[in-house]
Amino acid sequence: MIFNIKQYLERININQPIEANKEGLFMLHKAHIYNVPFENFEMQFNQKFGLNHDFISDRIIRQKKGGLCFETCMLMANAFDEIGFKYRKYLARVHTPVLTPATHQIFIVELEGQNWLFDIGFGAKGPRMPILLKHGTVAEYSFHSTKIQKNNIYGWIVSIKENIKPDADWEVIYSFYDHLATSEDIEMAYHYTMTSNKSLLKTNRVASLPTKNGRISIRNKTYTEVKDTLISTQDIDSEEDIFCLIKNKFGINLTINQLETMRSNAL
């Protein structure tokens, strides 16, 4: 297993050395979420390789595709190791659109005596910066806000609010406990995500990416774009239309045959 930190940083458009400090942590997070889409268009094909480091590196770094949280977190853990960040791997329970088992991978990064939630794998609705792991912390952008709270039942709860309406409500996206996730835990969560009929990612084709003032996403045959206070949706009529969207909007190159294979395996 060989990880090339220079190639990874170039993939996320960072062209300078990163230091193991707060500035470096925030820079890594921002660069990754805006350049690597959350997507599962080849998930069934990828399943046979499992969490294979060389395969995932080739897909995301060299082929410039996106990935699931487990895949992007594998590369980020490599980057953390190279740069010198201290981190722990956790698994979170997704709350929207339905409550799931603990199948979303996140990091807790220890920096200068403080713990930071670091999440690059939730997609466009996920946190847009590292969040201080402290009850009541709120991280705000003009478009998107994230809040973290301690809860007696679910441990830590992470909520988001898209400020496209003056009366926008907080939406719980996931929760997690202060329990380290072992490699075996992550393998099991990955297996559930890839194979269970209750896994939303097994039965839906999705892609999402945050933008400066909004987000873009595909869910099966619907493309959604949110910008400032405007929301637009577009029905996707053909595989050719999906091909164009994921290439032009998300920077992902797939063939029509790959898309059709993905559809026949997932739906």
Protein backbone atom coordinates (compact mmCIF):
# COMPACT_ATOMS: atom_id res chain seq x y z
CA MET A 1 0.00 0.00 0.00
CA ILE A 2 1.56 3.27 -1.14
CA PHE A 3 -0.04 6.65 -0.52
CA ASN A 4 1.23 9.67 -2.39
CA ILE A 5 0.33 12.76 -0.32
CA LYS A 6 1.37 15.10 -3.13
CA GLN A 7 -1.03 13.46 -5.60
CA TYR A 8 -3.85 13.51 -3.06
CA LEU A 9 -3.38 17.20 -2.30
CA GLU A 10 -3.27 18.00 -6.02
CA ARG A 11 -6.53 16.05 -6.45
CA ILE A 12 -8.24 18.40 -3.97
CA ASN A 13 -6.53 21.49 -5.45
CA ILE A 14 -4.04 22.14 -2.67
CA ASN A 15 -0.66 23.16 -4.02
CA GLN A 16 1.19 23.89 -0.80
CA PRO A 17 2.42 21.92 2.21
CA ILE A 18 -0.12 21.33 5.00
CA GLU A 19 0.88 21.57 8.65
CA ALA A 20 -0.77 19.77 11.56
CA ASN A 21 -2.48 22.86 12.96
CA LYS A 22 -5.95 24.41 12.90
CA GLU A 23 -5.35 26.25 9.65
CA GLY A 24 -4.20 23.04 7.97
CA LEU A 25 -7.17 21.09 9.32
CA PHE A 26 -9.69 23.60 7.99
CA MET A 27 -7.90 23.81 4.66
CA LEU A 28 -7.98 20.02 4.21
CA HIS A 29 -11.68 19.83 5.04
CA LYS A 30 -12.72 22.64 2.72
CA ALA A 31 -10.61 21.43 -0.18
CA HIS A 32 -11.89 17.87 0.02
CA ILE A 33 -15.63 18.51 0.31
CA TYR A 34 -15.67 20.97 -2.60
CA ASN A 35 -13.61 18.77 -4.93
CA VAL A 36 -14.55 15.14 -4.21
CA PRO A 37 -18.26 14.36 -4.71
CA PHE A 38 -20.18 11.96 -2.55
CA GLU A 39 -21.42 9.40 -5.09
CA ASN A 40 -22.23 5.73 -5.59
CA PHE A 41 -22.63 5.34 -9.35
CA GLU A 42 -20.28 2.33 -9.50
CA MET A 43 -21.01 0.97 -6.02
CA GLN A 44 -22.02 -2.54 -7.06
CA PHE A 45 -18.94 -2.90 -9.27
CA ASN A 46 -16.71 -1.53 -6.51
CA GLN A 47 -18.12 -3.98 -3.98
CA LYS A 48 -15.98 -6.85 -5.19
CA PHE A 49 -12.83 -4.89 -4.35
CA GLY A 50 -13.97 -3.99 -0.82
CA LEU A 51 -12.00 -1.34 1.05
CA ASN A 52 -8.91 -1.92 -1.04
CA HIS A 53 -6.55 1.00 -0.68
CA ASP A 54 -4.94 0.84 -4.12
CA PHE A 55 -8.30 0.48 -5.90
CA ILE A 56 -9.84 3.42 -4.00
CA SER A 57 -6.77 5.59 -4.53
CA ASP A 58 -6.86 4.92 -8.25
CA ARG A 59 -10.58 5.77 -8.51
CA ILE A 60 -10.59 8.95 -6.45
CA ILE A 61 -7.12 10.37 -6.96
CA ARG A 62 -6.13 9.30 -10.47
CA GLN A 63 -9.53 8.82 -12.15
CA LYS A 64 -10.95 11.83 -10.23
CA LYS A 65 -14.18 10.13 -9.24
CA GLY A 66 -16.02 10.48 -5.95
CA GLY A 67 -16.87 7.94 -3.29
CA LEU A 68 -18.65 6.89 -0.12
CA CYS A 69 -17.62 8.03 3.35
CA PHE A 70 -15.60 4.84 3.99
CA GLU A 71 -13.60 5.37 0.81
CA THR A 72 -12.88 9.07 1.21
CA CYS A 73 -12.07 8.57 4.91
CA MET A 74 -9.48 5.95 4.00
CA LEU A 75 -7.58 8.50 1.94
CA MET A 76 -8.00 11.25 4.52
CA ALA A 77 -6.62 8.96 7.25
CA ASN A 78 -3.56 8.45 5.06
CA ALA A 79 -3.22 12.23 4.73
CA PHE A 80 -3.60 12.69 8.49
CA ASP A 81 -0.84 10.15 9.08
CA GLU A 82 1.50 11.84 6.61
CA ILE A 83 0.87 15.34 7.96
CA GLY A 84 0.89 14.35 11.64
CA PHE A 85 -2.69 14.90 12.82
CA LYS A 86 -3.92 12.84 15.79
CA TYR A 87 -7.35 11.37 15.07
CA ARG A 88 -9.90 8.76 16.05
CA LYS A 89 -12.33 6.93 13.78
CA TYR A 90 -16.01 6.87 14.78
CA LEU A 91 -19.22 5.55 13.23
CA ALA A 92 -22.39 7.65 13.24
CA ARG A 93 -26.06 6.74 12.99
CA VAL A 94 -27.78 8.67 10.17
CA HIS A 95 -31.17 10.19 11.11
CA THR A 96 -32.41 11.44 7.74
CA PRO A 97 -34.38 10.44 5.75
CA VAL A 98 -34.67 7.40 8.08
CA LEU A 99 -32.83 6.21 11.18
CA THR A 100 -30.03 3.80 10.27
CA PRO A 101 -27.46 1.63 12.04
CA ALA A 102 -24.07 3.23 12.67
CA THR A 103 -22.95 3.25 9.04
CA HIS A 104 -21.46 6.71 8.48
CA GLN A 105 -17.74 7.15 9.12
CA ILE A 106 -16.37 10.34 10.70
CA PHE A 107 -13.21 11.48 12.45
CA ILE A 108 -12.52 13.17 15.75
CA VAL A 109 -9.27 15.10 15.45
CA GLU A 110 -7.36 16.11 18.60
CA LEU A 111 -5.67 19.48 18.21
CA GLU A 112 -4.16 21.71 20.89
CA GLY A 113 -6.13 20.02 23.65
CA GLN A 114 -9.47 20.24 21.83
CA ASN A 115 -11.50 17.68 19.89
CA TRP A 116 -12.90 18.53 16.47
CA LEU A 117 -15.56 16.68 14.47
CA PHE A 118 -14.15 16.23 10.98
CA ASP A 119 -16.65 14.91 8.42
CA ILE A 120 -15.90 14.82 4.70
CA GLY A 121 -18.19 11.95 3.71
CA PHE A 122 -21.79 13.01 4.23
CA GLY A 123 -22.24 14.88 1.00
CA ALA A 124 -23.57 18.35 0.30
CA LYS A 125 -25.66 18.52 3.48
CA GLY A 126 -22.74 17.64 5.71
CA PRO A 127 -20.63 20.04 7.81
CA ARG A 128 -18.66 22.53 5.77
CA MET A 129 -15.86 22.89 8.28
CA PRO A 130 -14.47 21.04 11.30
CA ILE A 131 -16.79 21.50 14.31
CA LEU A 132 -15.50 21.92 17.87
CA LEU A 133 -16.81 18.94 19.85
CA LYS A 134 -18.55 20.98 22.53
CA HIS A 135 -22.23 21.13 23.42
CA GLY A 136 -23.95 23.99 21.63
CA THR A 137 -21.23 24.73 19.08
CA VAL A 138 -22.64 26.33 15.93
CA ALA A 139 -20.64 26.82 12.74
CA GLU A 140 -22.27 29.27 10.36
CA TYR A 141 -22.00 30.09 6.69
CA SER A 142 -24.34 32.46 4.88
CA PHE A 143 -26.04 29.46 3.25
CA HIS A 144 -25.43 26.59 5.64
CA SER A 145 -25.11 26.20 9.43
CA THR A 146 -24.13 23.18 11.53
CA LYS A 147 -24.79 22.60 15.23
CA ILE A 148 -23.58 19.92 17.62
CA GLN A 149 -25.28 19.03 20.90
CA LYS A 150 -24.88 16.42 23.63
CA ASN A 151 -27.88 14.10 23.99
CA ASN A 152 -28.71 11.55 26.71
CA ILE A 153 -29.98 8.97 24.21
CA TYR A 154 -27.93 9.39 21.04
CA GLY A 155 -24.68 10.79 22.39
CA TRP A 156 -23.62 13.66 20.14
CA ILE A 157 -26.24 14.96 17.71
CA VAL A 158 -25.28 16.90 14.58
CA SER A 159 -27.90 19.16 12.98
CA ILE A 160 -27.83 21.37 9.92
CA LYS A 161 -29.86 24.32 8.75
CA GLU A 162 -29.96 25.57 5.18
CA ASN A 163 -30.65 29.27 5.48
CA ILE A 164 -32.68 29.53 2.30
CA LYS A 165 -35.73 30.62 4.31
CA PRO A 166 -35.89 33.05 7.24
CA ASP A 167 -37.77 30.43 9.29
CA ALA A 168 -35.57 27.47 8.35
CA ASP A 169 -35.56 24.73 11.01
CA TRP A 170 -32.67 22.65 12.30
CA GLU A 171 -32.56 19.13 10.83
CA VAL A 172 -30.79 16.29 12.66
CA ILE A 173 -28.56 14.50 10.16
CA TYR A 174 -26.68 12.02 12.38
CA SER A 175 -25.55 11.12 15.88
CA PHE A 176 -22.63 9.25 17.39
CA TYR A 177 -21.21 7.98 20.67
CA ASP A 178 -17.70 8.40 22.07
CA HIS A 179 -16.75 4.91 20.91
CA LEU A 180 -13.75 4.16 18.76
CA ALA A 181 -14.52 2.29 15.55
CA THR A 182 -12.14 -0.57 14.83
CA SER A 183 -11.27 -1.74 11.34
CA GLU A 184 -13.67 -4.64 11.92
CA ASP A 185 -16.49 -2.22 12.81
CA ILE A 186 -15.86 -0.24 9.65
CA GLU A 187 -15.76 -3.39 7.51
CA MET A 188 -19.13 -4.45 8.93
CA ALA A 189 -20.68 -1.01 8.35
CA TYR A 190 -19.32 -1.02 4.80
CA HIS A 191 -20.73 -4.50 4.18
CA TYR A 192 -24.19 -3.42 5.39
CA THR A 193 -24.10 -0.32 3.20
CA MET A 194 -23.14 -2.31 0.12
CA THR A 195 -25.40 -5.36 0.56
CA SER A 196 -28.41 -4.73 2.81
CA ASN A 197 -31.77 -4.19 1.13
CA LYS A 198 -32.40 -1.58 3.83
CA SER A 199 -29.36 0.40 2.74
CA LEU A 200 -30.48 3.57 0.95
CA LEU A 201 -27.26 3.60 -1.04
CA LYS A 202 -27.86 0.11 -2.38
CA THR A 203 -31.24 1.02 -3.83
CA ASN A 204 -30.61 4.59 -5.00
CA ARG A 205 -28.13 6.29 -7.30
CA VAL A 206 -26.88 9.47 -5.70
CA ALA A 207 -24.29 12.18 -6.14
CA SER A 208 -23.91 15.40 -4.20
CA LEU A 209 -21.48 18.25 -3.89
CA PRO A 210 -21.57 21.52 -1.93
CA THR A 211 -21.16 24.78 -3.81
CA LYS A 212 -20.18 28.20 -2.51
CA ASN A 213 -23.77 29.39 -2.07
CA GLY A 214 -25.69 26.13 -2.17
CA ARG A 215 -25.44 22.52 -3.30
CA ILE A 216 -26.06 20.22 -6.25
CA SER A 217 -27.33 16.65 -6.14
CA ILE A 218 -28.67 13.73 -8.15
CA ARG A 219 -31.04 11.18 -6.69
CA ASN A 220 -32.06 8.55 -9.23
CA LYS A 221 -33.89 10.52 -11.95
CA THR A 222 -33.93 13.95 -10.30
CA TYR A 223 -31.26 16.64 -10.39
CA THR A 224 -31.50 19.38 -7.74
CA GLU A 225 -29.60 22.65 -7.57
CA VAL A 226 -29.83 25.03 -4.62
CA LYS A 227 -28.28 28.48 -4.93
CA ASP A 228 -28.83 31.23 -2.39
CA THR A 229 -32.61 31.27 -1.90
CA LEU A 230 -33.47 29.48 -5.15
CA ILE A 231 -34.20 25.75 -5.52
CA SER A 232 -34.53 24.17 -8.95
CA THR A 233 -35.18 20.55 -9.91
CA GLN A 234 -34.83 18.79 -13.23
CA ASP A 235 -36.21 15.41 -14.27
CA ILE A 236 -33.57 13.18 -15.84
CA ASP A 237 -35.06 11.41 -18.83
CA SER A 238 -32.21 9.20 -20.01
CA GLU A 239 -28.85 7.68 -19.18
CA GLU A 240 -27.32 10.15 -21.60
CA ASP A 241 -28.69 13.02 -19.52
CA ILE A 242 -27.23 11.51 -16.34
CA PHE A 243 -23.92 11.03 -18.15
CA CYS A 244 -23.82 14.72 -19.07
CA LEU A 245 -24.84 15.91 -15.61
CA ILE A 246 -22.30 13.89 -13.65
CA LYS A 247 -19.57 14.90 -16.08
CA ASN A 248 -20.39 18.61 -16.36
CA LYS A 249 -21.62 19.26 -12.81
CA PHE A 250 -19.62 16.78 -10.74
CA GLY A 251 -16.53 16.20 -12.88
CA ILE A 252 -17.07 12.41 -12.95
CA ASN A 253 -16.38 10.51 -16.15
CA LEU A 254 -18.40 7.31 -16.61
CA THR A 255 -19.50 5.52 -19.73
CA ILE A 256 -23.14 4.92 -20.64
CA ASN A 257 -22.55 1.18 -20.20
CA GLN A 258 -21.28 1.73 -16.67
CA LEU A 259 -24.37 3.76 -15.80
CA GLU A 260 -26.69 1.15 -17.24
CA THR A 261 -24.90 -1.62 -15.32
CA MET A 262 -25.21 0.39 -12.14
CA ARG A 263 -28.93 0.88 -12.72
CA SER A 264 -29.61 -2.81 -13.40
CA ASN A 265 -27.71 -3.89 -10.29
CA ALA A 266 -29.15 -1.31 -7.89
CA LEU A 267 -32.79 -0.83 -8.88
